[in-house]
Amino acid sequence: MTSAVEETVKALVQFESELDRAKADAAEAKRRATKDAADWAEGARATAVSRAQEIASQRVAKAKKDAEADADKIVKKGEAELRTFEGSISKHRSEAAKMVAARLLGEGA
């Protein structure tokens, strides 16, 4: 009977040792899985940030191009209106000078 008890104790000790090894293996697997998941998440985050920056740069470039085109239109319109205004001033200056001269000479009502 002693040998049966010894065999049972020996089997339990061996089982406990294998159980401890299995727990350690499970803990290591969990650590690796957690690290792999963190690495994957970091890679996905970096990819997402990179793509977002790329999209933002494209939108900024388009907005800048559109703004420059609008600014060119505004400048051209302003220049055309300035020429019209200067022509009007020139025309009215001539008429005003004639009216002043006529008044000074006593002509007109």
PDB file of N, CA and C in Angstrom:
ATOM      1  N   MET A   1       0.806  -1.189   0.000  1.00  0.00           N
ATOM      2  CA  MET A   1       0.000   0.000   0.000  1.00  0.00           C
ATOM      3  C   MET A   1       0.854   1.259   0.000  1.00  0.00           C
ATOM      4  N   THR A   2       2.006   1.149   0.600  1.00  0.00           N
ATOM      5  CA  THR A   2       2.902   2.296   0.635  1.00  0.00           C
ATOM      6  C   THR A   2       3.335   2.671  -0.768  1.00  0.00           C
ATOM      7  N   SER A   3       3.592   1.664  -1.572  1.00  0.00           N
ATOM      8  CA  SER A   3       4.023   1.982  -2.921  1.00  0.00           C
ATOM      9  C   SER A   3       2.888   2.621  -3.727  1.00  0.00           C
ATOM     10  N   ALA A   4       1.643   2.246  -3.485  1.00  0.00           N
ATOM     11  CA  ALA A   4       0.498   2.862  -4.171  1.00  0.00           C
ATOM     12  C   ALA A   4       0.354   4.310  -3.750  1.00  0.00           C
ATOM     13  N   VAL A   5       0.552   4.595  -2.474  1.00  0.00           N
ATOM     14  CA  VAL A   5       0.482   5.972  -1.962  1.00  0.00           C
ATOM     15  C   VAL A   5       1.627   6.775  -2.551  1.00  0.00           C
ATOM     16  N   GLU A   6       2.821   6.167  -2.585  1.00  0.00           N
ATOM     17  CA  GLU A   6       3.970   6.872  -3.159  1.00  0.00           C
ATOM     18  C   GLU A   6       3.748   7.163  -4.627  1.00  0.00           C
ATOM     19  N   GLU A   7       3.202   6.210  -5.351  1.00  0.00           N
ATOM     20  CA  GLU A   7       2.913   6.392  -6.784  1.00  0.00           C
ATOM     21  C   GLU A   7       1.864   7.499  -6.971  1.00  0.00           C
ATOM     22  N   THR A   8       0.875   7.522  -6.101  1.00  0.00           N
ATOM     23  CA  THR A   8      -0.174   8.539  -6.187  1.00  0.00           C
ATOM     24  C   THR A   8       0.399   9.920  -5.901  1.00  0.00           C
ATOM     25  N   VAL A   9       1.224  10.022  -4.864  1.00  0.00           N
ATOM     26  CA  VAL A   9       1.861  11.302  -4.514  1.00  0.00           C
ATOM     27  C   VAL A   9       2.768  11.747  -5.655  1.00  0.00           C
ATOM     28  N   LYS A  10       3.533  10.797  -6.188  1.00  0.00           N
ATOM     29  CA  LYS A  10       4.428  11.098  -7.305  1.00  0.00           C
ATOM     30  C   LYS A  10       3.621  11.588  -8.512  1.00  0.00           C
ATOM     31  N   ALA A  11       2.506  10.935  -8.796  1.00  0.00           N
ATOM     32  CA  ALA A  11       1.655  11.341  -9.917  1.00  0.00           C
ATOM     33  C   ALA A  11       1.069  12.727  -9.679  1.00  0.00           C
ATOM     34  N   LEU A  12       0.667  13.003  -8.426  1.00  0.00           N
ATOM     35  CA  LEU A  12       0.115  14.329  -8.094  1.00  0.00           C
ATOM     36  C   LEU A  12       1.177  15.420  -8.214  1.00  0.00           C
ATOM     37  N   VAL A  13       2.388  15.118  -7.766  1.00  0.00           N
ATOM     38  CA  VAL A  13       3.498  16.081  -7.877  1.00  0.00           C
ATOM     39  C   VAL A  13       3.781  16.354  -9.349  1.00  0.00           C
ATOM     40  N   GLN A  14       3.813  15.298 -10.143  1.00  0.00           N
ATOM     41  CA  GLN A  14       4.054  15.454 -11.586  1.00  0.00           C
ATOM     42  C   GLN A  14       2.910  16.246 -12.238  1.00  0.00           C
ATOM     43  N   PHE A  15       1.663  15.941 -11.833  1.00  0.00           N
ATOM     44  CA  PHE A  15       0.511  16.662 -12.377  1.00  0.00           C
ATOM     45  C   PHE A  15       0.586  18.140 -12.013  1.00  0.00           C
ATOM     46  N   GLU A  16       0.963  18.424 -10.751  1.00  0.00           N
ATOM     47  CA  GLU A  16       1.078  19.811 -10.293  1.00  0.00           C
ATOM     48  C   GLU A  16       2.173  20.540 -11.075  1.00  0.00           C
ATOM     49  N   SER A  17       3.277  19.848 -11.321  1.00  0.00           N
ATOM     50  CA  SER A  17       4.372  20.432 -12.095  1.00  0.00           C
ATOM     51  C   SER A  17       3.913  20.751 -13.519  1.00  0.00           C
ATOM     52  N   GLU A  18       3.197  19.817 -14.140  1.00  0.00           N
ATOM     53  CA  GLU A  18       2.690  20.040 -15.493  1.00  0.00           C
ATOM     54  C   GLU A  18       1.651  21.150 -15.515  1.00  0.00           C
ATOM     55  N   LEU A  19       0.830  21.231 -14.464  1.00  0.00           N
ATOM     56  CA  LEU A  19      -0.162  22.292 -14.348  1.00  0.00           C
ATOM     57  C   LEU A  19       0.519  23.655 -14.232  1.00  0.00           C
ATOM     58  N   ASP A  20       1.577  23.742 -13.417  1.00  0.00           N
ATOM     59  CA  ASP A  20       2.334  24.992 -13.281  1.00  0.00           C
ATOM     60  C   ASP A  20       2.957  25.392 -14.627  1.00  0.00           C
ATOM     61  N   ARG A  21       3.499  24.405 -15.353  1.00  0.00           N
ATOM     62  CA  ARG A  21       4.099  24.666 -16.659  1.00  0.00           C
ATOM     63  C   ARG A  21       3.012  25.153 -17.645  1.00  0.00           C
ATOM     64  N   ALA A  22       1.844  24.543 -17.591  1.00  0.00           N
ATOM     65  CA  ALA A  22       0.741  24.945 -18.466  1.00  0.00           C
ATOM     66  C   ALA A  22       0.284  26.367 -18.147  1.00  0.00           C
ATOM     67  N   LYS A  23       0.244  26.697 -16.849  1.00  0.00           N
ATOM     68  CA  LYS A  23      -0.124  28.063 -16.440  1.00  0.00           C
ATOM     69  C   LYS A  23       0.908  29.065 -16.950  1.00  0.00           C
ATOM     70  N   ALA A  24       2.187  28.729 -16.833  1.00  0.00           N
ATOM     71  CA  ALA A  24       3.256  29.614 -17.308  1.00  0.00           C
ATOM     72  C   ALA A  24       3.169  29.786 -18.822  1.00  0.00           C
ATOM     73  N   ASP A  25       2.909  28.673 -19.534  1.00  0.00           N
ATOM     74  CA  ASP A  25       2.759  28.751 -20.999  1.00  0.00           C
ATOM     75  C   ASP A  25       1.561  29.621 -21.374  1.00  0.00           C
ATOM     76  N   ALA A  26       0.478  29.476 -20.646  1.00  0.00           N
ATOM     77  CA  ALA A  26      -0.724  30.276 -20.909  1.00  0.00           C
ATOM     78  C   ALA A  26      -0.451  31.755 -20.649  1.00  0.00           C
ATOM     79  N   ALA A  27       0.265  32.048 -19.558  1.00  0.00           N
ATOM     80  CA  ALA A  27       0.594  33.440 -19.239  1.00  0.00           C
ATOM     81  C   ALA A  27       1.489  34.030 -20.325  1.00  0.00           C
ATOM     82  N   GLU A  28       2.458  33.250 -20.809  1.00  0.00           N
ATOM     83  CA  GLU A  28       3.349  33.716 -21.887  1.00  0.00           C
ATOM     84  C   GLU A  28       2.555  33.934 -23.172  1.00  0.00           C
ATOM     85  N   ALA A  29       1.656  33.027 -23.483  1.00  0.00           N
ATOM     86  CA  ALA A  29       0.833  33.172 -24.689  1.00  0.00           C
ATOM     87  C   ALA A  29      -0.035  34.419 -24.583  1.00  0.00           C
ATOM     88  N   LYS A  30      -0.586  34.662 -23.403  1.00  0.00           N
ATOM     89  CA  LYS A  30      -1.405  35.860 -23.192  1.00  0.00           C
ATOM     90  C   LYS A  30      -0.559  37.120 -23.374  1.00  0.00           C
ATOM     91  N   ARG A  31       0.658  37.118 -22.827  1.00  0.00           N
ATOM     92  CA  ARG A  31       1.554  38.272 -22.948  1.00  0.00           C
ATOM     93  C   ARG A  31       1.882  38.535 -24.415  1.00  0.00           C
ATOM     94  N   ARG A  32       2.209  37.458 -25.153  1.00  0.00           N
ATOM     95  CA  ARG A  32       2.531  37.606 -26.587  1.00  0.00           C
ATOM     96  C   ARG A  32       1.328  38.103 -27.374  1.00  0.00           C
ATOM     97  N   ALA A  33       0.149  37.544 -27.071  1.00  0.00           N
ATOM     98  CA  ALA A  33      -1.076  37.964 -27.767  1.00  0.00           C
ATOM     99  C   ALA A  33      -1.376  39.435 -27.488  1.00  0.00           C
ATOM    100  N   THR A  34      -1.181  39.843 -26.243  1.00  0.00           N
ATOM    101  CA  THR A  34      -1.406  41.243 -25.878  1.00  0.00           C
ATOM    102  C   THR A  34      -0.420  42.150 -26.607  1.00  0.00           C
ATOM    103  N   LYS A  35       0.853  41.733 -26.659  1.00  0.00           N
ATOM    104  CA  LYS A  35       1.865  42.527 -27.364  1.00  0.00           C
ATOM    105  C   LYS A  35       1.554  42.591 -28.856  1.00  0.00           C
ATOM    106  N   ASP A  36       1.174  41.452 -29.450  1.00  0.00           N
ATOM    107  CA  ASP A  36       0.831  41.424 -30.874  1.00  0.00           C
ATOM    108  C   ASP A  36      -0.366  42.332 -31.165  1.00  0.00           C
ATOM    109  N   ALA A  37      -1.358  42.293 -30.289  1.00  0.00           N
ATOM    110  CA  ALA A  37      -2.540  43.143 -30.469  1.00  0.00           C
ATOM    111  C   ALA A  37      -2.167  44.616 -30.349  1.00  0.00           C
ATOM    112  N   ALA A  38      -1.306  44.937 -29.390  1.00  0.00           N
ATOM    113  CA  ALA A  38      -0.865  46.325 -29.214  1.00  0.00           C
ATOM    114  C   ALA A  38      -0.057  46.786 -30.431  1.00  0.00           C
ATOM    115  N   ASP A  39       0.809  45.909 -30.935  1.00  0.00           N
ATOM    116  CA  ASP A  39       1.593  46.250 -32.133  1.00  0.00           C
ATOM    117  C   ASP A  39       0.682  46.471 -33.337  1.00  0.00           C
ATOM    118  N   TRP A  40      -0.303  45.601 -33.500  1.00  0.00           N
ATOM    119  CA  TRP A  40      -1.253  45.739 -34.609  1.00  0.00           C
ATOM    120  C   TRP A  40      -2.030  47.038 -34.472  1.00  0.00           C
ATOM    121  N   ALA A  41      -2.490  47.335 -33.255  1.00  0.00           N
ATOM    122  CA  ALA A  41      -3.263  48.566 -33.020  1.00  0.00           C
ATOM    123  C   ALA A  41      -2.409  49.798 -33.324  1.00  0.00           C
ATOM    124  N   GLU A  42      -1.143  49.769 -32.916  1.00  0.00           N
ATOM    125  CA  GLU A  42      -0.251  50.902 -33.190  1.00  0.00           C
ATOM    126  C   GLU A  42      -0.038  51.065 -34.689  1.00  0.00           C
ATOM    127  N   GLY A  43       0.138  49.954 -35.387  1.00  0.00           N
ATOM    128  CA  GLY A  43       0.293  50.013 -36.842  1.00  0.00           C
ATOM    129  C   GLY A  43      -0.954  50.552 -37.515  1.00  0.00           C
ATOM    130  N   ALA A  44      -2.114  50.108 -37.061  1.00  0.00           N
ATOM    131  CA  ALA A  44      -3.376  50.595 -37.623  1.00  0.00           C
ATOM    132  C   ALA A  44      -3.547  52.083 -37.339  1.00  0.00           C
ATOM    133  N   ARG A  45      -3.183  52.508 -36.134  1.00  0.00           N
ATOM    134  CA  ARG A  45      -3.280  53.931 -35.772  1.00  0.00           C
ATOM    135  C   ARG A  45      -2.356  54.767 -36.656  1.00  0.00           C
ATOM    136  N   ALA A  46      -1.137  54.298 -36.834  1.00  0.00           N
ATOM    137  CA  ALA A  46      -0.176  55.026 -37.665  1.00  0.00           C
ATOM    138  C   ALA A  46      -0.677  55.119 -39.106  1.00  0.00           C
ATOM    139  N   THR A  47      -1.243  54.040 -39.612  1.00  0.00           N
ATOM    140  CA  THR A  47      -1.785  54.043 -40.973  1.00  0.00           C
ATOM    141  C   THR A  47      -2.943  55.031 -41.078  1.00  0.00           C
ATOM    142  N   ALA A  48      -3.820  55.017 -40.079  1.00  0.00           N
ATOM    143  CA  ALA A  48      -4.973  55.920 -40.090  1.00  0.00           C
ATOM    144  C   ALA A  48      -4.530  57.383 -40.015  1.00  0.00           C
ATOM    145  N   VAL A  49      -3.553  57.669 -39.163  1.00  0.00           N
ATOM    146  CA  VAL A  49      -3.047  59.042 -39.036  1.00  0.00           C
ATOM    147  C   VAL A  49      -2.398  59.484 -40.338  1.00  0.00           C
ATOM    148  N   SER A  50      -1.623  58.613 -40.933  1.00  0.00           N
ATOM    149  CA  SER A  50      -0.963  58.927 -42.196  1.00  0.00           C
ATOM    150  C   SER A  50      -1.985  59.227 -43.287  1.00  0.00           C
ATOM    151  N   ARG A  51      -3.003  58.396 -43.377  1.00  0.00           N
ATOM    152  CA  ARG A  51      -4.059  58.585 -44.393  1.00  0.00           C
ATOM    153  C   ARG A  51      -4.823  59.884 -44.133  1.00  0.00           C
ATOM    154  N   ALA A  52      -5.107  60.157 -42.872  1.00  0.00           N
ATOM    155  CA  ALA A  52      -5.820  61.396 -42.524  1.00  0.00           C
ATOM    156  C   ALA A  52      -4.985  62.620 -42.898  1.00  0.00           C
ATOM    157  N   GLN A  53      -3.675  62.555 -42.649  1.00  0.00           N
ATOM    158  CA  GLN A  53      -2.801  63.664 -43.015  1.00  0.00           C
ATOM    159  C   GLN A  53      -2.759  63.846 -44.528  1.00  0.00           C
ATOM    160  N   GLU A  54      -2.736  62.742 -45.246  1.00  0.00           N
ATOM    161  CA  GLU A  54      -2.721  62.794 -46.706  1.00  0.00           C
ATOM    162  C   GLU A  54      -4.005  63.446 -47.229  1.00  0.00           C
ATOM    163  N   ILE A  55      -5.143  63.023 -46.687  1.00  0.00           N
ATOM    164  CA  ILE A  55      -6.428  63.591 -47.102  1.00  0.00           C
ATOM    165  C   ILE A  55      -6.484  65.077 -46.761  1.00  0.00           C
ATOM    166  N   ALA A  56      -6.029  65.422 -45.565  1.00  0.00           N
ATOM    167  CA  ALA A  56      -6.032  66.829 -45.145  1.00  0.00           C
ATOM    168  C   ALA A  56      -5.138  67.665 -46.060  1.00  0.00           C
ATOM    169  N   SER A  57      -3.973  67.149 -46.412  1.00  0.00           N
ATOM    170  CA  SER A  57      -3.065  67.874 -47.307  1.00  0.00           C
ATOM    171  C   SER A  57      -3.698  68.088 -48.675  1.00  0.00           C
ATOM    172  N   GLN A  58      -4.383  67.066 -49.180  1.00  0.00           N
ATOM    173  CA  GLN A  58      -5.054  67.203 -50.473  1.00  0.00           C
ATOM    174  C   GLN A  58      -6.149  68.259 -50.411  1.00  0.00           C
ATOM    175  N   ARG A  59      -6.913  68.248 -49.330  1.00  0.00           N
ATOM    176  CA  ARG A  59      -7.995  69.235 -49.191  1.00  0.00           C
ATOM    177  C   ARG A  59      -7.448  70.648 -49.043  1.00  0.00           C
ATOM    178  N   VAL A  60      -6.366  70.791 -48.290  1.00  0.00           N
ATOM    179  CA  VAL A  60      -5.748  72.109 -48.129  1.00  0.00           C
ATOM    180  C   VAL A  60      -5.219  72.613 -49.477  1.00  0.00           C
ATOM    181  N   ALA A  61      -4.581  71.721 -50.229  1.00  0.00           N
ATOM    182  CA  ALA A  61      -4.051  72.104 -51.542  1.00  0.00           C
ATOM    183  C   ALA A  61      -5.178  72.537 -52.475  1.00  0.00           C
ATOM    184  N   LYS A  62      -6.286  71.812 -52.459  1.00  0.00           N
ATOM    185  CA  LYS A  62      -7.429  72.160 -53.309  1.00  0.00           C
ATOM    186  C   LYS A  62      -8.026  73.490 -52.869  1.00  0.00           C
ATOM    187  N   ALA A  63      -8.183  73.668 -51.562  1.00  0.00           N
ATOM    188  CA  ALA A  63      -8.739  74.922 -51.039  1.00  0.00           C
ATOM    189  C   ALA A  63      -7.838  76.102 -51.413  1.00  0.00           C
ATOM    190  N   LYS A  64      -6.521  75.897 -51.331  1.00  0.00           N
ATOM    191  CA  LYS A  64      -5.575  76.957 -51.683  1.00  0.00           C
ATOM    192  C   LYS A  64      -5.697  77.290 -53.167  1.00  0.00           C
ATOM    193  N   LYS A  65      -5.780  76.263 -54.006  1.00  0.00           N
ATOM    194  CA  LYS A  65      -5.909  76.470 -55.445  1.00  0.00           C
ATOM    195  C   LYS A  65      -7.205  77.221 -55.762  1.00  0.00           C
ATOM    196  N   ASP A  66      -8.306  76.801 -55.126  1.00  0.00           N
ATOM    197  CA  ASP A  66      -9.593  77.470 -55.342  1.00  0.00           C
ATOM    198  C   ASP A  66      -9.537  78.927 -54.875  1.00  0.00           C
ATOM    199  N   ALA A  67      -8.910  79.148 -53.721  1.00  0.00           N
ATOM    200  CA  ALA A  67      -8.806  80.505 -53.186  1.00  0.00           C
ATOM    201  C   ALA A  67      -7.964  81.391 -54.111  1.00  0.00           C
ATOM    202  N   GLU A  68      -6.885  80.839 -54.643  1.00  0.00           N
ATOM    203  CA  GLU A  68      -6.053  81.612 -55.568  1.00  0.00           C
ATOM    204  C   GLU A  68      -6.815  81.952 -56.847  1.00  0.00           C
ATOM    205  N   ALA A  69      -7.618  81.008 -57.335  1.00  0.00           N
ATOM    206  CA  ALA A  69      -8.428  81.267 -58.534  1.00  0.00           C
ATOM    207  C   ALA A  69      -9.451  82.361 -58.241  1.00  0.00           C
ATOM    208  N   ASP A  70     -10.095  82.292 -57.068  1.00  0.00           N
ATOM    209  CA  ASP A  70     -11.059  83.326 -56.691  1.00  0.00           C
ATOM    210  C   ASP A  70     -10.372  84.684 -56.548  1.00  0.00           C
ATOM    211  N   ALA A  71      -9.183  84.676 -55.960  1.00  0.00           N
ATOM    212  CA  ALA A  71      -8.438  85.935 -55.785  1.00  0.00           C
ATOM    213  C   ALA A  71      -8.097  86.536 -57.149  1.00  0.00           C
ATOM    214  N   ASP A  72      -7.705  85.706 -58.108  1.00  0.00           N
ATOM    215  CA  ASP A  72      -7.406  86.210 -59.452  1.00  0.00           C
ATOM    216  C   ASP A  72      -8.641  86.835 -60.084  1.00  0.00           C
ATOM    217  N   LYS A  73      -9.797  86.201 -59.918  1.00  0.00           N
ATOM    218  CA  LYS A  73     -11.046  86.750 -60.461  1.00  0.00           C
ATOM    219  C   LYS A  73     -11.356  88.106 -59.826  1.00  0.00           C
ATOM    220  N   ILE A  74     -11.186  88.174 -58.515  1.00  0.00           N
ATOM    221  CA  ILE A  74     -11.468  89.420 -57.793  1.00  0.00           C
ATOM    222  C   ILE A  74     -10.528  90.526 -58.260  1.00  0.00           C
ATOM    223  N   VAL A  75      -9.242  90.203 -58.433  1.00  0.00           N
ATOM    224  CA  VAL A  75      -8.264  91.194 -58.892  1.00  0.00           C
ATOM    225  C   VAL A  75      -8.634  91.693 -60.290  1.00  0.00           C
ATOM    226  N   LYS A  76      -8.975  90.784 -61.192  1.00  0.00           N
ATOM    227  CA  LYS A  76      -9.339  91.177 -62.554  1.00  0.00           C
ATOM    228  C   LYS A  76     -10.594  92.047 -62.561  1.00  0.00           C
ATOM    229  N   LYS A  77     -11.576  91.672 -61.758  1.00  0.00           N
ATOM    230  CA  LYS A  77     -12.807  92.466 -61.680  1.00  0.00           C
ATOM    231  C   LYS A  77     -12.501  93.842 -61.112  1.00  0.00           C
ATOM    232  N   GLY A  78     -11.663  93.882 -60.080  1.00  0.00           N
ATOM    233  CA  GLY A  78     -11.277  95.165 -59.480  1.00  0.00           C
ATOM    234  C   GLY A  78     -10.545  96.050 -60.467  1.00  0.00           C
ATOM    235  N   GLU A  79      -9.646  95.455 -61.235  1.00  0.00           N
ATOM    236  CA  GLU A  79      -8.905  96.239 -62.234  1.00  0.00           C
ATOM    237  C   GLU A  79      -9.840  96.788 -63.300  1.00  0.00           C
ATOM    238  N   ALA A  80     -10.803  95.981 -63.744  1.00  0.00           N
ATOM    239  CA  ALA A  80     -11.768  96.437 -64.753  1.00  0.00           C
ATOM    240  C   ALA A  80     -12.625  97.570 -64.191  1.00  0.00           C
ATOM    241  N   GLU A  81     -13.081  97.421 -62.967  1.00  0.00           N
ATOM    242  CA  GLU A  81     -13.897  98.471 -62.352  1.00  0.00           C
ATOM    243  C   GLU A  81     -13.081  99.737 -62.136  1.00  0.00           C
ATOM    244  N   LEU A  82     -11.805  99.590 -61.798  1.00  0.00           N
ATOM    245  CA  LEU A  82     -10.936 100.745 -61.614  1.00  0.00           C
ATOM    246  C   LEU A  82     -10.761 101.498 -62.925  1.00  0.00           C
ATOM    247  N   ARG A  83     -10.562 100.750 -64.012  1.00  0.00           N
ATOM    248  CA  ARG A  83     -10.433 101.415 -65.327  1.00  0.00           C
ATOM    249  C   ARG A  83     -11.711 102.175 -65.674  1.00  0.00           C
ATOM    250  N   THR A  84     -12.859 101.554 -65.424  1.00  0.00           N
ATOM    251  CA  THR A  84     -14.143 102.210 -65.691  1.00  0.00           C
ATOM    252  C   THR A  84     -14.271 103.469 -64.846  1.00  0.00           C
ATOM    253  N   PHE A  85     -13.928 103.353 -63.566  1.00  0.00           N
ATOM    254  CA  PHE A  85     -14.016 104.488 -62.648  1.00  0.00           C
ATOM    255  C   PHE A  85     -13.071 105.616 -63.069  1.00  0.00           C
ATOM    256  N   GLU A  86     -11.844 105.255 -63.440  1.00  0.00           N
ATOM    257  CA  GLU A  86     -10.876 106.268 -63.881  1.00  0.00           C
ATOM    258  C   GLU A  86     -11.353 106.949 -65.162  1.00  0.00           C
ATOM    259  N   GLY A  87     -11.954 106.153 -66.067  1.00  0.00           N
ATOM    260  CA  GLY A  87     -12.509 106.749 -67.298  1.00  0.00           C
ATOM    261  C   GLY A  87     -13.631 107.717 -66.977  1.00  0.00           C
ATOM    262  N   SER A  88     -14.467 107.342 -66.030  1.00  0.00           N
ATOM    263  CA  SER A  88     -15.576 108.206 -65.622  1.00  0.00           C
ATOM    264  C   SER A  88     -15.050 109.486 -64.985  1.00  0.00           C
ATOM    265  N   ILE A  89     -14.040 109.365 -64.131  1.00  0.00           N
ATOM    266  CA  ILE A  89     -13.441 110.555 -63.502  1.00  0.00           C
ATOM    267  C   ILE A  89     -12.865 111.470 -64.570  1.00  0.00           C
ATOM    268  N   SER A  90     -12.144 110.885 -65.514  1.00  0.00           N
ATOM    269  CA  SER A  90     -11.526 111.674 -66.573  1.00  0.00           C
ATOM    270  C   SER A  90     -12.592 112.428 -67.369  1.00  0.00           C
ATOM    271  N   LYS A  91     -13.671 111.733 -67.722  1.00  0.00           N
ATOM    272  CA  LYS A  91     -14.750 112.336 -68.489  1.00  0.00           C
ATOM    273  C   LYS A  91     -15.403 113.466 -67.695  1.00  0.00           C
ATOM    274  N   HIS A  92     -15.703 113.198 -66.425  1.00  0.00           N
ATOM    275  CA  HIS A  92     -16.372 114.209 -65.601  1.00  0.00           C
ATOM    276  C   HIS A  92     -15.438 115.375 -65.260  1.00  0.00           C
ATOM    277  N   ARG A  93     -14.155 115.121 -65.164  1.00  0.00           N
ATOM    278  CA  ARG A  93     -13.198 116.190 -64.895  1.00  0.00           C
ATOM    279  C   ARG A  93     -13.201 117.176 -66.048  1.00  0.00           C
ATOM    280  N   SER A  94     -13.245 116.651 -67.237  1.00  0.00           N
ATOM    281  CA  SER A  94     -13.277 117.485 -68.437  1.00  0.00           C
ATOM    282  C   SER A  94     -14.545 118.327 -68.459  1.00  0.00           C
ATOM    283  N   GLU A  95     -15.670 117.679 -68.177  1.00  0.00           N
ATOM    284  CA  GLU A  95     -16.943 118.402 -68.161  1.00  0.00           C
ATOM    285  C   GLU A  95     -16.953 119.447 -67.059  1.00  0.00           C
ATOM    286  N   ALA A  96     -16.403 119.096 -65.882  1.00  0.00           N
ATOM    287  CA  ALA A  96     -16.357 120.037 -64.758  1.00  0.00           C
ATOM    288  C   ALA A  96     -15.482 121.233 -65.101  1.00  0.00           C
ATOM    289  N   ALA A  97     -14.361 120.973 -65.742  1.00  0.00           N
ATOM    290  CA  ALA A  97     -13.469 122.084 -66.123  1.00  0.00           C
ATOM    291  C   ALA A  97     -14.172 123.014 -67.108  1.00  0.00           C
ATOM    292  N   LYS A  98     -14.913 122.452 -68.043  1.00  0.00           N
ATOM    293  CA  LYS A  98     -15.659 123.282 -69.006  1.00  0.00           C
ATOM    294  C   LYS A  98     -16.721 124.103 -68.293  1.00  0.00           C
ATOM    295  N   MET A  99     -17.417 123.501 -67.322  1.00  0.00           N
ATOM    296  CA  MET A  99     -18.457 124.232 -66.594  1.00  0.00           C
ATOM    297  C   MET A  99     -17.867 125.372 -65.776  1.00  0.00           C
ATOM    298  N   VAL A 100     -16.712 125.101 -65.119  1.00  0.00           N
ATOM    299  CA  VAL A 100     -16.057 126.137 -64.311  1.00  0.00           C
ATOM    300  C   VAL A 100     -15.600 127.272 -65.219  1.00  0.00           C
ATOM    301  N   ALA A 101     -15.011 126.901 -66.340  1.00  0.00           N
ATOM    302  CA  ALA A 101     -14.547 127.943 -67.277  1.00  0.00           C
ATOM    303  C   ALA A 101     -15.735 128.753 -67.775  1.00  0.00           C
ATOM    304  N   ALA A 102     -16.836 128.129 -68.092  1.00  0.00           N
ATOM    305  CA  ALA A 102     -18.010 128.836 -68.582  1.00  0.00           C
ATOM    306  C   ALA A 102     -18.546 129.766 -67.510  1.00  0.00           C
ATOM    307  N   ARG A 103     -18.591 129.337 -66.272  1.00  0.00           N
ATOM    308  CA  ARG A 103     -19.080 130.197 -65.180  1.00  0.00           C
ATOM    309  C   ARG A 103     -18.163 131.401 -64.996  1.00  0.00           C
ATOM    310  N   LEU A 104     -16.853 131.124 -65.023  1.00  0.00           N
ATOM    311  CA  LEU A 104     -15.892 132.219 -64.834  1.00  0.00           C
ATOM    312  C   LEU A 104     -15.977 133.236 -65.966  1.00  0.00           C
ATOM    313  N   LEU A 105     -16.299 132.739 -67.129  1.00  0.00           N
ATOM    314  CA  LEU A 105     -16.410 133.647 -68.278  1.00  0.00           C
ATOM    315  C   LEU A 105     -17.815 134.246 -68.371  1.00  0.00           C
ATOM    316  N   GLY A 106     -18.677 133.848 -67.461  1.00  0.00           N
ATOM    317  CA  GLY A 106     -20.016 134.407 -67.433  1.00  0.00           C
ATOM    318  C   GLY A 106     -20.959 133.774 -68.398  1.00  0.00           C
ATOM    319  N   GLU A 107     -20.584 132.680 -68.892  1.00  0.00           N
ATOM    320  CA  GLU A 107     -21.468 131.990 -69.832  1.00  0.00           C
ATOM    321  C   GLU A 107     -22.366 131.040 -69.035  1.00  0.00           C
ATOM    322  N   GLY A 108     -23.506 130.753 -69.500  1.00  0.00           N
ATOM    323  CA  GLY A 108     -24.408 129.791 -68.882  1.00  0.00           C
ATOM    324  C   GLY A 108     -25.341 130.465 -67.918  1.00  0.00           C
ATOM    325  N   ALA A 109     -26.247 129.739 -67.340  1.00  0.00           N
ATOM    326  CA  ALA A 109     -27.308 130.301 -66.509  1.00  0.00           C
ATOM    327  C   ALA A 109     -26.803 130.494 -65.164  1.00  0.00           C
TER     328      ALA A 109
END
